[in-house]
């Protein structure tokens, strides 16, 4: 059972992580490490920098986020990420879809009780 559950949680996290990144950027632009800190606070998400940066690159290539480099007085330049208009649209669709799936799962759980 443990192997099954471990594999299942990995797949669930992979599917949710992109949406969590978009949601984290909904309110304001953030630099990479700031995103890592926000996502690490989500119980069970298990995010590392090595996981996040390739996803940010892919989301940028897909046109869902943009990035800009800003010099920092506290060390090296920081890359800031922000949602694009397409990212805002996609985030809304993804959140609606996830809510529909969650509601369906809750209904099945109630019927099974």
Protein backbone atom coordinates (compact mmCIF):
# COMPACT_ATOMS: atom_id res chain seq x y z
CA UNK A 1 0.00 0.00 0.00
CA UNK A 2 2.84 2.39 0.80
CA UNK A 3 4.28 2.27 -2.74
CA UNK A 4 0.84 2.89 -4.21
CA UNK A 5 0.18 5.86 -1.91
CA UNK A 6 3.64 7.32 -2.50
CA UNK A 7 3.19 7.15 -6.26
CA UNK A 8 -0.33 8.58 -6.04
CA UNK A 9 0.79 11.55 -3.93
CA UNK A 10 3.62 12.31 -6.37
CA UNK A 11 1.13 12.38 -9.26
CA UNK A 12 -1.33 14.58 -7.35
CA UNK A 13 1.42 17.05 -6.41
CA UNK A 14 2.66 17.23 -9.99
CA UNK A 15 -0.82 18.09 -11.18
CA UNK A 16 -1.43 20.70 -8.52
CA UNK A 17 1.94 22.41 -8.43
CA UNK A 18 1.47 24.41 -11.62
CA UNK A 19 -1.89 25.67 -10.37
CA UNK A 20 -0.38 26.53 -6.99
CA UNK A 21 2.34 28.55 -8.74
CA UNK A 22 -0.25 30.47 -10.75
CA UNK A 23 -2.36 31.06 -7.63
CA UNK A 24 0.72 32.27 -5.72
CA UNK A 25 1.36 34.82 -8.46
CA UNK A 26 -2.26 36.00 -8.62
CA UNK A 27 -1.83 38.75 -6.06
CA UNK A 28 1.61 40.05 -6.97
CA UNK A 29 4.82 39.27 -8.75
CA UNK A 30 7.31 37.25 -6.73
CA UNK A 31 10.92 36.24 -7.08
CA UNK A 32 11.81 32.56 -7.26
CA UNK A 33 12.90 31.94 -3.68
CA UNK A 34 9.84 33.83 -2.40
CA UNK A 35 7.69 31.40 -4.39
CA UNK A 36 9.56 28.43 -2.89
CA UNK A 37 8.88 29.75 0.63
CA UNK A 38 5.17 30.26 -0.14
CA UNK A 39 4.77 26.78 -1.64
CA UNK A 40 6.72 25.03 1.13
CA UNK A 41 4.05 26.24 3.56
CA UNK A 42 1.43 24.06 1.82
CA UNK A 43 1.25 20.82 3.81
CA UNK A 44 2.18 17.79 1.71
CA UNK A 45 3.32 19.78 -1.35
CA UNK A 46 7.01 18.90 -0.92
CA UNK A 47 8.43 21.66 -3.13
CA UNK A 48 12.14 22.25 -3.64
CA UNK A 49 14.01 24.79 -5.71
CA UNK A 50 15.04 21.99 -8.05
CA UNK A 51 11.37 21.24 -8.69
CA UNK A 52 10.18 24.83 -8.97
CA UNK A 53 12.58 26.44 -11.42
CA UNK A 54 12.01 24.01 -14.31
CA UNK A 55 8.24 24.51 -13.86
CA UNK A 56 8.64 28.29 -13.89
CA UNK A 57 10.62 27.99 -17.11
CA UNK A 58 7.94 25.80 -18.69
CA UNK A 59 5.13 28.14 -17.60
CA UNK A 60 7.07 31.07 -19.10
CA UNK A 61 7.58 29.24 -22.41
CA UNK A 62 3.84 28.44 -22.44
CA UNK A 63 3.09 32.16 -22.04
CA UNK A 64 1.36 31.83 -18.66
CA UNK A 65 3.94 33.83 -16.72
CA UNK A 66 6.53 36.46 -17.53
CA UNK A 67 9.86 37.10 -15.85
CA UNK A 68 12.15 40.05 -15.33
CA UNK A 69 15.54 40.44 -13.71
CA UNK A 70 16.03 43.08 -11.02
CA UNK A 71 19.26 44.03 -9.29
CA UNK A 72 19.23 43.49 -5.54
CA UNK A 73 21.10 45.37 -2.85
CA UNK A 74 21.06 42.19 -0.76
CA UNK A 75 22.99 39.95 -3.14
CA UNK A 76 22.65 38.69 -6.71
CA UNK A 77 19.96 39.93 -9.08
CA UNK A 78 16.52 38.43 -8.53
CA UNK A 79 14.26 37.05 -11.21
CA UNK A 80 10.67 38.14 -10.63
CA UNK A 81 7.72 36.25 -12.06
CA UNK A 82 4.23 37.54 -12.82
CA UNK A 83 1.06 36.21 -14.42
CA UNK A 84 0.34 37.13 -18.01
CA UNK A 85 -3.25 37.73 -19.17
CA UNK A 86 -3.22 34.16 -20.55
CA UNK A 87 -1.96 32.95 -17.17
CA UNK A 88 -4.86 34.68 -15.42
CA UNK A 89 -7.34 33.02 -17.81
CA UNK A 90 -5.72 29.60 -17.45
CA UNK A 91 -5.60 29.91 -13.66
CA UNK A 92 -9.33 30.63 -13.55
CA UNK A 93 -10.16 27.65 -15.75
CA UNK A 94 -7.86 25.37 -13.73
CA UNK A 95 -9.33 26.51 -10.40
CA UNK A 96 -12.88 25.95 -11.70
CA UNK A 97 -11.96 22.49 -12.98
CA UNK A 98 -10.32 21.54 -9.68
CA UNK A 99 -13.38 22.71 -7.75
CA UNK A 100 -15.62 20.59 -10.00
CA UNK A 101 -13.40 17.53 -9.43
CA UNK A 102 -13.32 18.11 -5.67
CA UNK A 103 -17.08 18.50 -5.48
CA UNK A 104 -17.57 15.28 -7.47
CA UNK A 105 -15.18 13.43 -5.16
CA UNK A 106 -16.99 14.78 -2.10
CA UNK A 107 -20.34 13.60 -3.51
CA UNK A 108 -18.96 10.12 -4.13
CA UNK A 109 -17.52 10.02 -0.64
CA UNK A 110 -20.88 11.02 0.91
CA UNK A 111 -22.74 8.38 -1.15
CA UNK A 112 -20.23 5.75 -0.07
CA UNK A 113 -20.74 6.51 3.63
